[in-house]
Amino acid sequence: MLADGWYRGSVGAWGIKNFYGNETRLLVQIEVYFSDGSKKVICSGENFEWTNDGPIRFADNKDGEIYDASKEDFSKAVWGKTKITKHNVIPTADISL
């Protein structure tokens, strides 16, 4: 699940919204290492699917969350494809184990 967080959510003493941008963004690379030595890499990209029709209707660091339990069994039919934005990525942390 992805919410607005500090990027789009309420920040500062006056609760300014969309301070850093007005669209929620996600860039993902998950590396899963198995006990047999193999590795699986899951990345966001053109085939990454998303939906904004899940049970969390609103979420904000300062303003809380609105949860609709009737949306828990949402259909994959409402999933969409990602919108790709080209930009340079500068890693902010190395969490090598």
C-alpha atoms as a PDB file:
ATOM      1  CA  MET A   1       0.000   0.000   0.000  1.00  0.00           C
ATOM      2  CA  LEU A   2       1.187   3.474  -0.844  1.00  0.00           C
ATOM      3  CA  ALA A   3      -0.174   6.652   0.684  1.00  0.00           C
ATOM      4  CA  ASP A   4       0.689  10.313   0.242  1.00  0.00           C
ATOM      5  CA  GLY A   5       3.193  10.410   3.114  1.00  0.00           C
ATOM      6  CA  TRP A   6       5.528  13.387   3.384  1.00  0.00           C
ATOM      7  CA  TYR A   7       5.595  13.787  -0.420  1.00  0.00           C
ATOM      8  CA  ARG A   8       1.937  14.781  -0.952  1.00  0.00           C
ATOM      9  CA  GLY A   9       0.464  14.721   2.532  1.00  0.00           C
ATOM     10  CA  SER A  10       0.215  17.352   5.247  1.00  0.00           C
ATOM     11  CA  VAL A  11       3.580  18.808   6.253  1.00  0.00           C
ATOM     12  CA  GLY A  12       4.683  21.603   8.522  1.00  0.00           C
ATOM     13  CA  ALA A  13       2.810  23.512  11.185  1.00  0.00           C
ATOM     14  CA  TRP A  14       0.123  24.681   8.744  1.00  0.00           C
ATOM     15  CA  GLY A  15      -0.535  21.282   7.141  1.00  0.00           C
ATOM     16  CA  ILE A  16       0.426  22.323   3.614  1.00  0.00           C
ATOM     17  CA  LYS A  17      -0.487  19.568   1.116  1.00  0.00           C
ATOM     18  CA  ASN A  18       1.294  18.654  -2.151  1.00  0.00           C
ATOM     19  CA  PHE A  19       4.433  20.463  -0.952  1.00  0.00           C
ATOM     20  CA  TYR A  20       6.833  18.273  -2.962  1.00  0.00           C
ATOM     21  CA  GLY A  21       4.475  17.184  -5.766  1.00  0.00           C
ATOM     22  CA  ASN A  22       0.847  16.506  -6.611  1.00  0.00           C
ATOM     23  CA  GLU A  23       1.006  12.883  -7.805  1.00  0.00           C
ATOM     24  CA  THR A  24       1.884   9.902  -5.623  1.00  0.00           C
ATOM     25  CA  ARG A  25       5.018   8.229  -7.003  1.00  0.00           C
ATOM     26  CA  LEU A  26       6.582   4.807  -6.524  1.00  0.00           C
ATOM     27  CA  LEU A  27       9.916   3.363  -7.646  1.00  0.00           C
ATOM     28  CA  VAL A  28      10.504  -0.210  -6.466  1.00  0.00           C
ATOM     29  CA  GLN A  29      13.200  -2.850  -6.649  1.00  0.00           C
ATOM     30  CA  ILE A  30      12.777  -5.725  -4.212  1.00  0.00           C
ATOM     31  CA  GLU A  31      15.424  -8.446  -4.123  1.00  0.00           C
ATOM     32  CA  VAL A  32      14.387 -11.707  -2.450  1.00  0.00           C
ATOM     33  CA  TYR A  33      17.209 -14.118  -1.591  1.00  0.00           C
ATOM     34  CA  PHE A  34      16.290 -17.774  -1.054  1.00  0.00           C
ATOM     35  CA  SER A  35      18.093 -20.329   1.119  1.00  0.00           C
ATOM     36  CA  ASP A  36      19.139 -22.286  -2.000  1.00  0.00           C
ATOM     37  CA  GLY A  37      21.173 -19.248  -3.163  1.00  0.00           C
ATOM     38  CA  SER A  38      18.744 -18.136  -5.862  1.00  0.00           C
ATOM     39  CA  LYS A  39      17.389 -14.611  -6.088  1.00  0.00           C
ATOM     40  CA  LYS A  40      14.151 -13.071  -7.399  1.00  0.00           C
ATOM     41  CA  VAL A  41      14.000  -9.384  -8.351  1.00  0.00           C
ATOM     42  CA  ILE A  42      10.631  -7.590  -8.411  1.00  0.00           C
ATOM     43  CA  CYS A  43      10.682  -4.125 -10.006  1.00  0.00           C
ATOM     44  CA  SER A  44       8.216  -1.419 -10.859  1.00  0.00           C
ATOM     45  CA  GLY A  45       8.050  -0.664 -14.572  1.00  0.00           C
ATOM     46  CA  GLU A  46       5.743  -0.777 -17.572  1.00  0.00           C
ATOM     47  CA  ASN A  47       4.086  -4.057 -16.485  1.00  0.00           C
ATOM     48  CA  PHE A  48       3.648  -3.050 -12.829  1.00  0.00           C
ATOM     49  CA  GLU A  49      -0.055  -2.939 -11.913  1.00  0.00           C
ATOM     50  CA  TRP A  50      -1.792  -0.676  -9.402  1.00  0.00           C
ATOM     51  CA  THR A  51      -5.222   0.273  -8.132  1.00  0.00           C
ATOM     52  CA  ASN A  52      -6.612   3.162  -6.150  1.00  0.00           C
ATOM     53  CA  ASP A  53      -9.835   1.290  -5.387  1.00  0.00           C
ATOM     54  CA  GLY A  54      -8.687  -0.610  -2.284  1.00  0.00           C
ATOM     55  CA  PRO A  55     -10.000  -0.345   1.267  1.00  0.00           C
ATOM     56  CA  ILE A  56      -7.782   2.583   2.288  1.00  0.00           C
ATOM     57  CA  ARG A  57      -9.695   5.563   0.922  1.00  0.00           C
ATOM     58  CA  PHE A  58      -7.514   8.257   2.503  1.00  0.00           C
ATOM     59  CA  ALA A  59      -4.233   8.169   4.426  1.00  0.00           C
ATOM     60  CA  ASP A  60      -2.101  11.004   5.723  1.00  0.00           C
ATOM     61  CA  ASN A  61       0.704  11.263   8.286  1.00  0.00           C
ATOM     62  CA  LYS A  62      -1.066  14.018  10.204  1.00  0.00           C
ATOM     63  CA  ASP A  63      -4.745  13.649   9.259  1.00  0.00           C
ATOM     64  CA  GLY A  64      -5.121   9.895   9.805  1.00  0.00           C
ATOM     65  CA  GLU A  65      -6.789   7.258   7.653  1.00  0.00           C
ATOM     66  CA  ILE A  66     -10.229   6.427   6.273  1.00  0.00           C
ATOM     67  CA  TYR A  67     -10.789   2.678   5.813  1.00  0.00           C
ATOM     68  CA  ASP A  68     -13.737   1.142   3.921  1.00  0.00           C
ATOM     69  CA  ALA A  69     -14.017  -2.574   4.800  1.00  0.00           C
ATOM     70  CA  SER A  70     -16.491  -3.115   1.936  1.00  0.00           C
ATOM     71  CA  LYS A  71     -13.550  -2.603  -0.483  1.00  0.00           C
ATOM     72  CA  GLU A  72     -11.417  -5.429   0.960  1.00  0.00           C
ATOM     73  CA  ASP A  73     -12.276  -7.864  -1.845  1.00  0.00           C
ATOM     74  CA  PHE A  74     -11.685  -5.486  -4.749  1.00  0.00           C
ATOM     75  CA  SER A  75     -11.483  -6.997  -8.228  1.00  0.00           C
ATOM     76  CA  LYS A  76      -8.316  -7.084 -10.304  1.00  0.00           C
ATOM     77  CA  ALA A  77     -10.514  -5.677 -13.099  1.00  0.00           C
ATOM     78  CA  VAL A  78     -10.019  -2.211 -11.560  1.00  0.00           C
ATOM     79  CA  TRP A  79      -6.220  -2.448 -11.705  1.00  0.00           C
ATOM     80  CA  GLY A  80      -4.411  -0.160 -14.127  1.00  0.00           C
ATOM     81  CA  LYS A  81      -0.974   0.052 -15.694  1.00  0.00           C
ATOM     82  CA  THR A  82       1.692   2.339 -14.354  1.00  0.00           C
ATOM     83  CA  LYS A  83       2.408   5.747 -15.798  1.00  0.00           C
ATOM     84  CA  ILE A  84       6.137   5.862 -16.519  1.00  0.00           C
ATOM     85  CA  THR A  85       8.023   9.077 -15.745  1.00  0.00           C
ATOM     86  CA  LYS A  86      11.582   9.340 -17.054  1.00  0.00           C
ATOM     87  CA  HIS A  87      14.030  10.931 -14.620  1.00  0.00           C
ATOM     88  CA  ASN A  88      17.475  10.412 -13.171  1.00  0.00           C
ATOM     89  CA  VAL A  89      17.510   8.360  -9.992  1.00  0.00           C
ATOM     90  CA  ILE A  90      20.040   9.161  -7.294  1.00  0.00           C
ATOM     91  CA  PRO A  91      20.179   6.424  -4.627  1.00  0.00           C
ATOM     92  CA  THR A  92      19.837   7.848  -1.128  1.00  0.00           C
ATOM     93  CA  ALA A  93      20.949   4.840   0.892  1.00  0.00           C
ATOM     94  CA  ASP A  94      22.833   1.574   0.499  1.00  0.00           C
ATOM     95  CA  ILE A  95      21.310  -1.129   2.675  1.00  0.00           C
ATOM     96  CA  SER A  96      23.523  -4.016   1.583  1.00  0.00           C
ATOM     97  CA  LEU A  97      23.483  -6.899   4.020  1.00  0.00           C
END
